[in-house]
């Protein structure tokens, strides 16, 4: 369908107009108007106003309620703890951290050993 707008001829696909008429229950003139607005041939004042309102607007708001920090109890891996103490046997240890890591000195050098237990591989 050819449509003249401001002395300019615009080709509007008939299929689009038929879709708008059937889907949105519009008249043919309303469907043409909608197609022209969707394809930026016409401007819709309401849409422009809404777009201006949303520019620079954040899409989140801070809640009035304060969140309580959740406290989780750390589980001690007894197997890992036993292995770590076996490794520390015979070494003069400076510090132990969370039953997973220990530090020591040899001469002027400082070392840290960390024991990591890996998860089993997925099959």
N, C-alpha and C. Protein backbone atom coordinates (compact mmCIF):
# COMPACT_ATOMS: atom_id res chain seq x y z
N UNK A 1 0.84 -1.16 0.00
CA UNK A 1 0.00 0.00 0.00
C UNK A 1 0.89 1.24 0.00
N UNK A 2 0.54 2.18 -0.84
CA UNK A 2 1.27 3.44 -0.89
C UNK A 2 0.49 4.47 -0.08
N UNK A 3 1.22 5.21 0.75
CA UNK A 3 0.60 6.21 1.61
C UNK A 3 1.38 7.51 1.46
N UNK A 4 0.65 8.61 1.31
CA UNK A 4 1.30 9.91 1.15
C UNK A 4 1.29 10.66 2.48
N UNK A 5 2.48 11.05 2.91
CA UNK A 5 2.63 11.79 4.16
C UNK A 5 3.57 12.96 3.91
N UNK A 6 3.07 14.16 4.10
CA UNK A 6 3.86 15.38 3.88
C UNK A 6 4.52 15.40 2.51
N UNK A 7 3.73 15.10 1.50
CA UNK A 7 4.17 15.09 0.09
C UNK A 7 5.26 14.05 -0.15
N UNK A 8 5.30 13.04 0.69
CA UNK A 8 6.28 11.96 0.54
C UNK A 8 5.49 10.66 0.48
N UNK A 9 5.83 9.80 -0.50
CA UNK A 9 5.11 8.54 -0.66
C UNK A 9 5.87 7.45 0.09
N UNK A 10 5.12 6.75 0.95
CA UNK A 10 5.70 5.70 1.79
C UNK A 10 5.03 4.38 1.42
N UNK A 11 5.84 3.35 1.21
CA UNK A 11 5.31 2.01 0.92
C UNK A 11 5.13 1.26 2.24
N UNK A 12 3.89 0.97 2.57
CA UNK A 12 3.56 0.25 3.79
C UNK A 12 3.15 -1.17 3.39
N UNK A 13 3.80 -2.17 3.96
CA UNK A 13 3.44 -3.55 3.62
C UNK A 13 1.99 -3.86 4.03
N UNK A 14 1.22 -4.38 3.08
CA UNK A 14 -0.18 -4.72 3.35
C UNK A 14 -0.29 -5.77 4.47
N UNK A 15 0.69 -6.65 4.53
CA UNK A 15 0.67 -7.71 5.53
C UNK A 15 0.75 -7.12 6.94
N UNK A 16 1.56 -6.07 7.12
CA UNK A 16 1.67 -5.42 8.43
C UNK A 16 0.35 -4.79 8.85
N UNK A 17 -0.31 -4.12 7.91
CA UNK A 17 -1.59 -3.46 8.20
C UNK A 17 -2.64 -4.51 8.58
N UNK A 18 -2.67 -5.61 7.81
CA UNK A 18 -3.63 -6.68 8.11
C UNK A 18 -3.36 -7.30 9.48
N UNK A 19 -2.09 -7.44 9.82
CA UNK A 19 -1.72 -7.99 11.13
C UNK A 19 -2.19 -7.07 12.25
N UNK A 20 -1.95 -5.77 12.11
CA UNK A 20 -2.38 -4.80 13.13
C UNK A 20 -3.90 -4.80 13.29
N UNK A 21 -4.62 -4.85 12.17
CA UNK A 21 -6.08 -4.84 12.21
C UNK A 21 -6.59 -6.09 12.95
N UNK A 22 -6.02 -7.25 12.61
CA UNK A 22 -6.49 -8.50 13.21
C UNK A 22 -6.04 -8.64 14.67
N UNK A 23 -4.79 -8.32 14.92
CA UNK A 23 -4.22 -8.56 16.25
C UNK A 23 -4.72 -7.56 17.29
N UNK A 24 -4.81 -6.29 16.93
CA UNK A 24 -5.16 -5.25 17.90
C UNK A 24 -6.58 -4.72 17.72
N UNK A 25 -7.33 -5.30 16.80
CA UNK A 25 -8.72 -4.90 16.55
C UNK A 25 -8.81 -3.40 16.22
N UNK A 26 -8.00 -2.97 15.27
CA UNK A 26 -7.95 -1.57 14.86
C UNK A 26 -8.62 -1.38 13.51
N UNK A 27 -8.97 -0.14 13.21
CA UNK A 27 -9.43 0.17 11.86
C UNK A 27 -8.20 0.28 10.97
N UNK A 28 -8.42 0.35 9.66
CA UNK A 28 -7.29 0.43 8.74
C UNK A 28 -6.53 1.75 8.94
N UNK A 29 -7.22 2.85 9.20
CA UNK A 29 -6.56 4.14 9.43
C UNK A 29 -5.72 4.11 10.70
N UNK A 30 -6.26 3.48 11.75
CA UNK A 30 -5.50 3.36 13.01
C UNK A 30 -4.28 2.47 12.83
N UNK A 31 -4.42 1.41 12.05
CA UNK A 31 -3.30 0.51 11.79
C UNK A 31 -2.20 1.23 11.01
N UNK A 32 -2.59 2.05 10.04
CA UNK A 32 -1.61 2.84 9.28
C UNK A 32 -0.90 3.81 10.20
N UNK A 33 -1.66 4.48 11.06
CA UNK A 33 -1.09 5.44 12.02
C UNK A 33 -0.08 4.74 12.93
N UNK A 34 -0.44 3.55 13.43
CA UNK A 34 0.44 2.79 14.30
C UNK A 34 1.72 2.40 13.56
N UNK A 35 1.59 1.95 12.31
CA UNK A 35 2.77 1.55 11.53
C UNK A 35 3.70 2.75 11.32
N UNK A 36 3.13 3.90 11.01
CA UNK A 36 3.93 5.11 10.79
C UNK A 36 4.66 5.53 12.07
N UNK A 37 4.00 5.41 13.22
CA UNK A 37 4.66 5.73 14.49
C UNK A 37 5.75 4.73 14.83
N UNK A 38 5.49 3.45 14.60
CA UNK A 38 6.48 2.41 14.90
C UNK A 38 7.72 2.54 14.03
N UNK A 39 7.55 3.03 12.82
CA UNK A 39 8.67 3.14 11.88
C UNK A 39 9.22 4.57 11.80
N UNK A 40 8.93 5.38 12.80
CA UNK A 40 9.49 6.73 12.97
C UNK A 40 9.15 7.71 11.85
N UNK A 41 7.99 7.53 11.23
CA UNK A 41 7.54 8.53 10.27
C UNK A 41 6.71 9.60 10.98
N UNK A 42 6.07 9.20 12.05
CA UNK A 42 5.29 10.13 12.88
C UNK A 42 5.77 10.02 14.32
N UNK A 43 5.55 11.09 15.07
CA UNK A 43 5.91 11.07 16.48
C UNK A 43 4.64 11.04 17.31
N UNK A 44 4.69 10.24 18.35
CA UNK A 44 3.58 10.15 19.28
C UNK A 44 3.97 10.93 20.53
N UNK A 45 3.19 11.96 20.87
CA UNK A 45 3.53 12.84 21.99
C UNK A 45 3.56 12.08 23.31
N UNK A 46 2.66 11.16 23.50
CA UNK A 46 2.61 10.39 24.75
C UNK A 46 3.86 9.54 24.89
N UNK A 47 4.25 8.87 23.82
CA UNK A 47 5.44 8.03 23.85
C UNK A 47 6.68 8.89 24.10
N UNK A 48 6.79 10.01 23.41
CA UNK A 48 7.94 10.90 23.61
C UNK A 48 8.03 11.39 25.05
N UNK A 49 6.88 11.72 25.63
CA UNK A 49 6.85 12.19 27.02
C UNK A 49 7.33 11.09 27.98
N UNK A 50 6.87 9.86 27.75
CA UNK A 50 7.28 8.74 28.59
C UNK A 50 8.77 8.44 28.45
N UNK A 51 9.29 8.55 27.23
CA UNK A 51 10.72 8.31 27.00
C UNK A 51 11.55 9.36 27.73
N UNK A 52 11.13 10.61 27.68
CA UNK A 52 11.85 11.69 28.37
C UNK A 52 11.86 11.47 29.88
N UNK A 53 10.75 10.98 30.41
CA UNK A 53 10.67 10.74 31.85
C UNK A 53 11.63 9.64 32.28
N UNK A 54 11.84 8.65 31.43
CA UNK A 54 12.68 7.52 31.81
C UNK A 54 14.16 7.76 31.57
N UNK A 55 14.52 8.77 30.83
CA UNK A 55 15.94 9.04 30.56
C UNK A 55 16.63 9.39 31.87
N UNK A 56 17.74 8.72 32.13
CA UNK A 56 18.53 9.00 33.32
C UNK A 56 17.92 8.43 34.59
N UNK A 57 16.83 7.71 34.46
CA UNK A 57 16.19 7.15 35.64
C UNK A 57 16.80 5.80 35.96
N UNK A 58 17.05 5.58 37.23
CA UNK A 58 17.61 4.30 37.64
C UNK A 58 16.48 3.29 37.76
N UNK A 59 16.80 2.06 37.46
CA UNK A 59 15.79 1.01 37.47
C UNK A 59 15.77 0.23 38.78
N UNK A 60 16.33 0.80 39.81
CA UNK A 60 16.31 0.15 41.11
C UNK A 60 16.12 1.21 42.18
N UNK A 61 15.63 0.79 43.28
CA UNK A 61 15.41 1.70 44.39
C UNK A 61 15.95 1.06 45.65
N UNK A 62 16.42 1.88 46.54
CA UNK A 62 16.92 1.38 47.80
C UNK A 62 15.73 1.09 48.70
N UNK A 63 15.75 -0.05 49.30
CA UNK A 63 14.66 -0.46 50.16
C UNK A 63 14.72 0.29 51.49
N UNK A 64 13.55 0.51 52.06
CA UNK A 64 13.48 1.16 53.37
C UNK A 64 13.91 0.22 54.48
N UNK A 65 13.73 -1.05 54.27
CA UNK A 65 14.09 -2.04 55.28
C UNK A 65 15.58 -2.34 55.21
N UNK A 66 16.21 -2.39 56.37
CA UNK A 66 17.63 -2.73 56.38
C UNK A 66 17.77 -4.25 56.42
N UNK A 67 18.77 -4.74 55.75
CA UNK A 67 18.99 -6.18 55.69
C UNK A 67 19.82 -6.61 56.88
N UNK A 68 19.49 -7.76 57.39
CA UNK A 68 20.26 -8.32 58.48
C UNK A 68 21.36 -9.18 57.87
N UNK A 69 22.56 -9.01 58.38
CA UNK A 69 23.67 -9.80 57.89
C UNK A 69 23.49 -11.24 58.36
N UNK A 70 23.60 -12.16 57.43
CA UNK A 70 23.45 -13.56 57.81
C UNK A 70 24.78 -14.08 58.34
N UNK A 71 24.71 -14.79 59.41
CA UNK A 71 25.93 -15.37 59.98
C UNK A 71 25.90 -16.86 59.71
N UNK A 72 26.98 -17.33 59.15
CA UNK A 72 27.09 -18.75 58.85
C UNK A 72 28.19 -19.35 59.69
N UNK A 73 27.90 -20.52 60.18
CA UNK A 73 28.90 -21.21 60.97
C UNK A 73 29.85 -21.92 60.03
N UNK A 74 31.14 -21.69 60.24
CA UNK A 74 32.13 -22.34 59.39
C UNK A 74 32.32 -23.78 59.86
N UNK A 75 32.24 -24.69 58.89
CA UNK A 75 32.42 -26.10 59.22
C UNK A 75 33.90 -26.45 59.15
N UNK A 76 34.38 -27.13 60.17
CA UNK A 76 35.78 -27.54 60.20
C UNK A 76 35.86 -28.94 59.61
N UNK A 77 36.73 -29.09 58.61
CA UNK A 77 36.96 -30.38 57.98
C UNK A 77 38.00 -31.12 58.81
N UNK A 78 37.54 -32.11 59.53
CA UNK A 78 38.43 -32.84 60.46
C UNK A 78 39.53 -33.60 59.71
N UNK A 79 39.22 -34.14 58.56
CA UNK A 79 40.23 -34.87 57.77
C UNK A 79 41.34 -33.92 57.32
N UNK A 80 40.94 -32.76 56.85
CA UNK A 80 41.90 -31.75 56.40
C UNK A 80 42.75 -31.26 57.58
N UNK A 81 42.11 -31.08 58.72
CA UNK A 81 42.81 -30.62 59.92
C UNK A 81 43.87 -31.64 60.35
N UNK A 82 43.52 -32.92 60.31
CA UNK A 82 44.47 -33.97 60.69
C UNK A 82 45.66 -34.02 59.73
N UNK A 83 45.38 -33.89 58.43
CA UNK A 83 46.46 -33.88 57.43
C UNK A 83 47.39 -32.69 57.64
N UNK A 84 46.83 -31.55 57.93
CA UNK A 84 47.62 -30.34 58.12
C UNK A 84 48.57 -30.50 59.32
N UNK A 85 48.06 -31.07 60.41
CA UNK A 85 48.90 -31.24 61.59
C UNK A 85 49.98 -32.29 61.36
N UNK A 86 49.72 -33.29 60.50
CA UNK A 86 50.76 -34.25 60.14
C UNK A 86 51.86 -33.57 59.34
N UNK A 87 51.47 -32.66 58.44
CA UNK A 87 52.46 -31.92 57.65
C UNK A 87 53.30 -30.99 58.52
N UNK A 88 52.69 -30.44 59.57
CA UNK A 88 53.39 -29.50 60.45
C UNK A 88 54.35 -30.20 61.41
N UNK A 89 54.22 -31.52 61.53
CA UNK A 89 55.05 -32.27 62.46
C UNK A 89 56.54 -32.12 62.09
N UNK A 90 57.34 -31.67 63.00
CA UNK A 90 58.78 -31.53 62.77
C UNK A 90 59.18 -30.15 62.26
N UNK A 91 58.24 -29.25 62.04
CA UNK A 91 58.54 -27.89 61.57
C UNK A 91 58.14 -26.93 62.69
N UNK A 92 58.98 -25.92 62.91
CA UNK A 92 58.62 -24.91 63.91
C UNK A 92 57.69 -23.91 63.22
N UNK A 93 56.41 -24.02 63.50
CA UNK A 93 55.36 -23.26 62.83
C UNK A 93 55.18 -21.91 63.50
N UNK A 94 55.07 -20.84 62.68
CA UNK A 94 54.82 -19.49 63.20
C UNK A 94 53.33 -19.28 63.46
N UNK A 95 52.48 -19.64 62.51
CA UNK A 95 51.05 -19.42 62.69
C UNK A 95 50.24 -20.45 61.91
N UNK A 96 49.00 -20.69 62.40
CA UNK A 96 48.05 -21.59 61.74
C UNK A 96 46.79 -20.78 61.47
N UNK A 97 46.26 -20.91 60.26
CA UNK A 97 45.08 -20.13 59.89
C UNK A 97 43.96 -21.07 59.45
N UNK A 98 42.86 -21.06 60.18
CA UNK A 98 41.63 -21.79 59.84
C UNK A 98 41.83 -23.27 59.54
N UNK A 99 42.70 -23.91 60.21
CA UNK A 99 42.96 -25.34 59.99
C UNK A 99 43.18 -25.67 58.52
N UNK A 100 43.69 -24.72 57.75
CA UNK A 100 43.90 -24.96 56.33
C UNK A 100 45.24 -24.44 55.86
N UNK A 101 45.91 -23.65 56.65
CA UNK A 101 47.12 -22.98 56.20
C UNK A 101 48.06 -22.76 57.39
N UNK A 102 49.35 -22.96 57.16
CA UNK A 102 50.32 -22.64 58.20
C UNK A 102 51.54 -21.95 57.60
N UNK A 103 52.21 -21.17 58.43
CA UNK A 103 53.38 -20.40 57.99
C UNK A 103 54.57 -20.73 58.88
N UNK A 104 55.77 -20.67 58.29
CA UNK A 104 56.99 -20.95 59.05
C UNK A 104 58.17 -20.26 58.41
N UNK A 105 59.28 -20.17 59.16
CA UNK A 105 60.53 -19.57 58.69
C UNK A 105 61.59 -20.65 58.56
N UNK A 106 62.39 -20.53 57.51
CA UNK A 106 63.60 -21.34 57.37
C UNK A 106 64.71 -20.35 57.05
N UNK A 107 65.58 -20.09 58.02
CA UNK A 107 66.61 -19.07 57.85
C UNK A 107 65.95 -17.72 57.77
N UNK A 108 66.26 -16.98 56.70
CA UNK A 108 65.66 -15.65 56.52
C UNK A 108 64.38 -15.70 55.67
N UNK A 109 64.07 -16.88 55.11
CA UNK A 109 62.92 -17.01 54.21
C UNK A 109 61.65 -17.41 54.96
N UNK A 110 60.53 -16.87 54.50
CA UNK A 110 59.23 -17.09 55.11
C UNK A 110 58.37 -17.89 54.14
N UNK A 111 57.74 -18.97 54.59
CA UNK A 111 56.94 -19.84 53.74
C UNK A 111 55.52 -19.98 54.29
N UNK A 112 54.58 -20.26 53.38
CA UNK A 112 53.21 -20.55 53.75
C UNK A 112 52.77 -21.79 52.98
N UNK A 113 52.16 -22.72 53.69
CA UNK A 113 51.63 -23.93 53.07
C UNK A 113 50.12 -23.91 53.25
N UNK A 114 49.40 -24.06 52.13
CA UNK A 114 47.94 -24.06 52.18
C UNK A 114 47.45 -25.38 51.64
N UNK A 115 46.58 -26.04 52.41
CA UNK A 115 46.03 -27.32 52.02
C UNK A 115 44.63 -27.09 51.45
N UNK A 116 44.43 -27.51 50.19
CA UNK A 116 43.15 -27.29 49.51
C UNK A 116 42.53 -28.64 49.19
N UNK A 117 41.27 -28.80 49.61
CA UNK A 117 40.53 -30.02 49.31
C UNK A 117 39.63 -29.72 48.11
N UNK A 118 39.83 -30.43 46.99
CA UNK A 118 39.08 -30.17 45.76
C UNK A 118 37.80 -31.00 45.75
N UNK A 119 36.80 -30.45 45.09
CA UNK A 119 35.54 -31.15 44.94
C UNK A 119 35.72 -32.30 43.94
N UNK A 120 34.94 -33.35 44.08
CA UNK A 120 35.04 -34.44 43.11
C UNK A 120 34.56 -33.97 41.73
N UNK A 121 35.18 -34.54 40.69
CA UNK A 121 34.82 -34.15 39.32
C UNK A 121 33.45 -34.71 38.96
N UNK A 122 32.70 -33.93 38.19
CA UNK A 122 31.38 -34.37 37.71
C UNK A 122 31.58 -35.33 36.55
N UNK A 123 30.72 -36.30 36.50
CA UNK A 123 30.81 -37.27 35.39
C UNK A 123 29.70 -37.09 34.42
